[in-house]
Amino acid sequence: MQIHKELDTRGLNCPLPILKAKKALADMVSGEVLKVVSTDPGSLRDFQAFSRQTGNELLEQSQGAGEFVHVLKRR
């Protein structure tokens, strides 16, 4: 999978990872892929809800070593 932009939101808590992702996606074109790395455990459900509400596709979520990775495709 080709990642077009990566966003490091480690150390930030809700709603900052979502707000930064929203801003990054606004600067991308349809079909591009954004990877967001977070340390906020709540980001798992936050990005699921964000995807449903905005129509941006949540391609993948993973976690390990205290980090949560979210991969979104711009609608």
N, C-alpha and C. Protein backbone atom coordinates (compact mmCIF):
# COMPACT_ATOMS: atom_id res chain seq x y z
N MET A 1 0.84 -1.18 0.00
CA MET A 1 0.00 0.00 0.00
C MET A 1 0.89 1.25 0.00
N GLN A 2 0.59 2.16 -0.88
CA GLN A 2 1.37 3.39 -0.96
C GLN A 2 0.80 4.44 -0.01
N ILE A 3 1.65 4.95 0.87
CA ILE A 3 1.27 6.01 1.80
C ILE A 3 1.71 7.34 1.18
N HIS A 4 0.77 8.26 1.03
CA HIS A 4 1.09 9.56 0.42
C HIS A 4 1.52 10.60 1.45
N LYS A 5 1.01 10.45 2.68
CA LYS A 5 1.36 11.40 3.73
C LYS A 5 1.30 10.67 5.07
N GLU A 6 2.26 11.00 5.96
CA GLU A 6 2.26 10.40 7.29
C GLU A 6 2.19 11.51 8.33
N LEU A 7 1.39 11.25 9.37
CA LEU A 7 1.14 12.24 10.40
C LEU A 7 1.52 11.64 11.75
N ASP A 8 2.38 12.31 12.49
CA ASP A 8 2.79 11.86 13.82
C ASP A 8 2.02 12.65 14.86
N THR A 9 1.09 11.98 15.56
CA THR A 9 0.31 12.65 16.60
C THR A 9 0.61 12.03 17.97
N ARG A 10 1.80 11.45 18.10
CA ARG A 10 2.19 10.85 19.39
C ARG A 10 2.17 11.92 20.48
N GLY A 11 1.62 11.56 21.64
CA GLY A 11 1.57 12.48 22.76
C GLY A 11 0.37 13.40 22.77
N LEU A 12 -0.41 13.38 21.70
CA LEU A 12 -1.61 14.22 21.63
C LEU A 12 -2.84 13.39 21.96
N ASN A 13 -3.77 14.00 22.69
CA ASN A 13 -5.01 13.31 23.04
C ASN A 13 -6.18 13.89 22.27
N CYS A 14 -7.28 13.15 22.27
CA CYS A 14 -8.51 13.53 21.60
C CYS A 14 -8.86 14.96 21.98
N PRO A 15 -9.26 15.77 21.06
CA PRO A 15 -9.55 15.51 19.65
C PRO A 15 -8.41 15.86 18.70
N LEU A 16 -7.23 16.16 19.21
CA LEU A 16 -6.15 16.66 18.34
C LEU A 16 -5.74 15.71 17.21
N PRO A 17 -5.59 14.39 17.44
CA PRO A 17 -5.24 13.53 16.30
C PRO A 17 -6.27 13.60 15.16
N ILE A 18 -7.55 13.65 15.52
CA ILE A 18 -8.61 13.74 14.51
C ILE A 18 -8.54 15.08 13.78
N LEU A 19 -8.37 16.16 14.53
CA LEU A 19 -8.31 17.49 13.91
C LEU A 19 -7.13 17.61 12.95
N LYS A 20 -5.98 17.07 13.36
CA LYS A 20 -4.80 17.12 12.48
C LYS A 20 -5.00 16.25 11.24
N ALA A 21 -5.66 15.10 11.42
CA ALA A 21 -5.93 14.22 10.28
C ALA A 21 -6.91 14.90 9.32
N LYS A 22 -7.92 15.55 9.87
CA LYS A 22 -8.90 16.25 9.04
C LYS A 22 -8.23 17.33 8.19
N LYS A 23 -7.32 18.08 8.81
CA LYS A 23 -6.59 19.13 8.09
C LYS A 23 -5.69 18.52 7.01
N ALA A 24 -5.00 17.44 7.34
CA ALA A 24 -4.12 16.79 6.36
C ALA A 24 -4.91 16.25 5.19
N LEU A 25 -6.06 15.62 5.46
CA LEU A 25 -6.88 15.06 4.39
C LEU A 25 -7.42 16.16 3.47
N ALA A 26 -7.69 17.32 4.03
CA ALA A 26 -8.22 18.44 3.23
C ALA A 26 -7.20 18.89 2.18
N ASP A 27 -5.91 18.68 2.46
CA ASP A 27 -4.85 19.09 1.54
C ASP A 27 -4.48 17.99 0.54
N MET A 28 -5.16 16.84 0.63
CA MET A 28 -4.85 15.71 -0.24
C MET A 28 -5.92 15.57 -1.32
N VAL A 29 -5.59 14.83 -2.38
CA VAL A 29 -6.57 14.60 -3.44
C VAL A 29 -7.25 13.25 -3.24
N SER A 30 -8.40 13.09 -3.85
CA SER A 30 -9.18 11.87 -3.72
C SER A 30 -8.34 10.64 -4.08
N GLY A 31 -8.42 9.62 -3.21
CA GLY A 31 -7.70 8.38 -3.46
C GLY A 31 -6.34 8.30 -2.78
N GLU A 32 -5.82 9.43 -2.30
CA GLU A 32 -4.53 9.40 -1.60
C GLU A 32 -4.71 8.80 -0.21
N VAL A 33 -3.60 8.27 0.34
CA VAL A 33 -3.65 7.54 1.60
C VAL A 33 -2.84 8.28 2.67
N LEU A 34 -3.47 8.41 3.84
CA LEU A 34 -2.87 9.08 4.99
C LEU A 34 -2.65 8.06 6.11
N LYS A 35 -1.45 8.06 6.67
CA LYS A 35 -1.12 7.20 7.82
C LYS A 35 -0.97 8.10 9.04
N VAL A 36 -1.70 7.77 10.11
CA VAL A 36 -1.64 8.54 11.35
C VAL A 36 -1.12 7.64 12.46
N VAL A 37 -0.07 8.08 13.16
CA VAL A 37 0.46 7.34 14.30
C VAL A 37 0.10 8.11 15.57
N SER A 38 -0.52 7.42 16.53
CA SER A 38 -1.00 8.05 17.75
C SER A 38 -0.63 7.21 18.97
N THR A 39 -0.63 7.85 20.14
CA THR A 39 -0.44 7.12 21.39
C THR A 39 -1.71 7.14 22.24
N ASP A 40 -2.76 7.73 21.72
CA ASP A 40 -4.04 7.82 22.44
C ASP A 40 -4.87 6.57 22.18
N PRO A 41 -5.12 5.74 23.22
CA PRO A 41 -5.92 4.52 23.03
C PRO A 41 -7.33 4.80 22.49
N GLY A 42 -7.87 5.95 22.82
CA GLY A 42 -9.20 6.32 22.34
C GLY A 42 -9.24 6.60 20.85
N SER A 43 -8.06 6.74 20.25
CA SER A 43 -8.02 7.05 18.81
C SER A 43 -8.58 5.91 17.97
N LEU A 44 -8.55 4.68 18.48
CA LEU A 44 -9.11 3.56 17.71
C LEU A 44 -10.58 3.81 17.39
N ARG A 45 -11.37 4.08 18.40
CA ARG A 45 -12.80 4.33 18.15
C ARG A 45 -13.04 5.70 17.51
N ASP A 46 -12.17 6.68 17.84
CA ASP A 46 -12.33 8.01 17.27
C ASP A 46 -12.18 7.99 15.75
N PHE A 47 -11.17 7.25 15.25
CA PHE A 47 -10.96 7.20 13.80
C PHE A 47 -12.03 6.37 13.10
N GLN A 48 -12.60 5.38 13.80
CA GLN A 48 -13.72 4.62 13.21
C GLN A 48 -14.92 5.54 13.02
N ALA A 49 -15.23 6.33 14.04
CA ALA A 49 -16.35 7.28 13.96
C ALA A 49 -16.06 8.37 12.91
N PHE A 50 -14.85 8.88 12.89
CA PHE A 50 -14.45 9.90 11.92
C PHE A 50 -14.65 9.39 10.49
N SER A 51 -14.26 8.16 10.25
CA SER A 51 -14.40 7.56 8.92
C SER A 51 -15.88 7.47 8.52
N ARG A 52 -16.70 7.00 9.43
CA ARG A 52 -18.14 6.89 9.14
C ARG A 52 -18.76 8.26 8.86
N GLN A 53 -18.37 9.26 9.63
CA GLN A 53 -18.98 10.59 9.51
C GLN A 53 -18.51 11.36 8.28
N THR A 54 -17.28 11.13 7.85
CA THR A 54 -16.72 11.94 6.76
C THR A 54 -16.71 11.23 5.41
N GLY A 55 -16.85 9.90 5.41
CA GLY A 55 -16.81 9.17 4.16
C GLY A 55 -15.41 8.81 3.70
N ASN A 56 -14.40 9.20 4.47
CA ASN A 56 -13.03 8.79 4.18
C ASN A 56 -12.89 7.34 4.64
N GLU A 57 -12.33 6.49 3.79
CA GLU A 57 -12.28 5.05 4.08
C GLU A 57 -11.15 4.73 5.06
N LEU A 58 -11.50 4.00 6.13
CA LEU A 58 -10.50 3.53 7.09
C LEU A 58 -9.99 2.19 6.58
N LEU A 59 -8.80 2.20 6.01
CA LEU A 59 -8.25 1.01 5.38
C LEU A 59 -7.68 0.02 6.38
N GLU A 60 -7.11 0.55 7.46
CA GLU A 60 -6.39 -0.33 8.39
C GLU A 60 -6.20 0.36 9.73
N GLN A 61 -6.25 -0.44 10.80
CA GLN A 61 -5.89 0.02 12.13
C GLN A 61 -5.05 -1.06 12.77
N SER A 62 -4.01 -0.66 13.48
CA SER A 62 -3.18 -1.64 14.19
C SER A 62 -2.63 -0.98 15.44
N GLN A 63 -2.17 -1.83 16.36
CA GLN A 63 -1.58 -1.30 17.58
C GLN A 63 -0.43 -2.19 18.02
N GLY A 64 0.51 -1.57 18.71
CA GLY A 64 1.66 -2.29 19.23
C GLY A 64 2.62 -1.32 19.87
N ALA A 65 3.26 -1.75 20.94
CA ALA A 65 4.26 -0.94 21.66
C ALA A 65 3.70 0.42 22.08
N GLY A 66 2.42 0.44 22.47
CA GLY A 66 1.82 1.69 22.94
C GLY A 66 1.47 2.68 21.86
N GLU A 67 1.56 2.24 20.60
CA GLU A 67 1.21 3.12 19.48
C GLU A 67 0.05 2.54 18.69
N PHE A 68 -0.72 3.43 18.13
CA PHE A 68 -1.89 3.06 17.33
C PHE A 68 -1.72 3.67 15.95
N VAL A 69 -1.88 2.83 14.93
CA VAL A 69 -1.68 3.30 13.55
C VAL A 69 -3.02 3.22 12.81
N HIS A 70 -3.36 4.29 12.15
CA HIS A 70 -4.61 4.40 11.40
C HIS A 70 -4.25 4.78 9.96
N VAL A 71 -4.83 4.07 9.01
CA VAL A 71 -4.56 4.35 7.59
C VAL A 71 -5.90 4.69 6.94
N LEU A 72 -5.98 5.90 6.42
CA LEU A 72 -7.22 6.40 5.82
C LEU A 72 -7.01 6.74 4.35
N LYS A 73 -8.05 6.50 3.56
CA LYS A 73 -8.03 6.84 2.14
C LYS A 73 -8.97 8.02 1.92
N ARG A 74 -8.45 9.06 1.33
CA ARG A 74 -9.23 10.28 1.07
C ARG A 74 -10.38 10.00 0.12
N ARG A 75 -11.56 10.44 0.47
CA ARG A 75 -12.74 10.21 -0.38
C ARG A 75 -12.71 11.09 -1.60
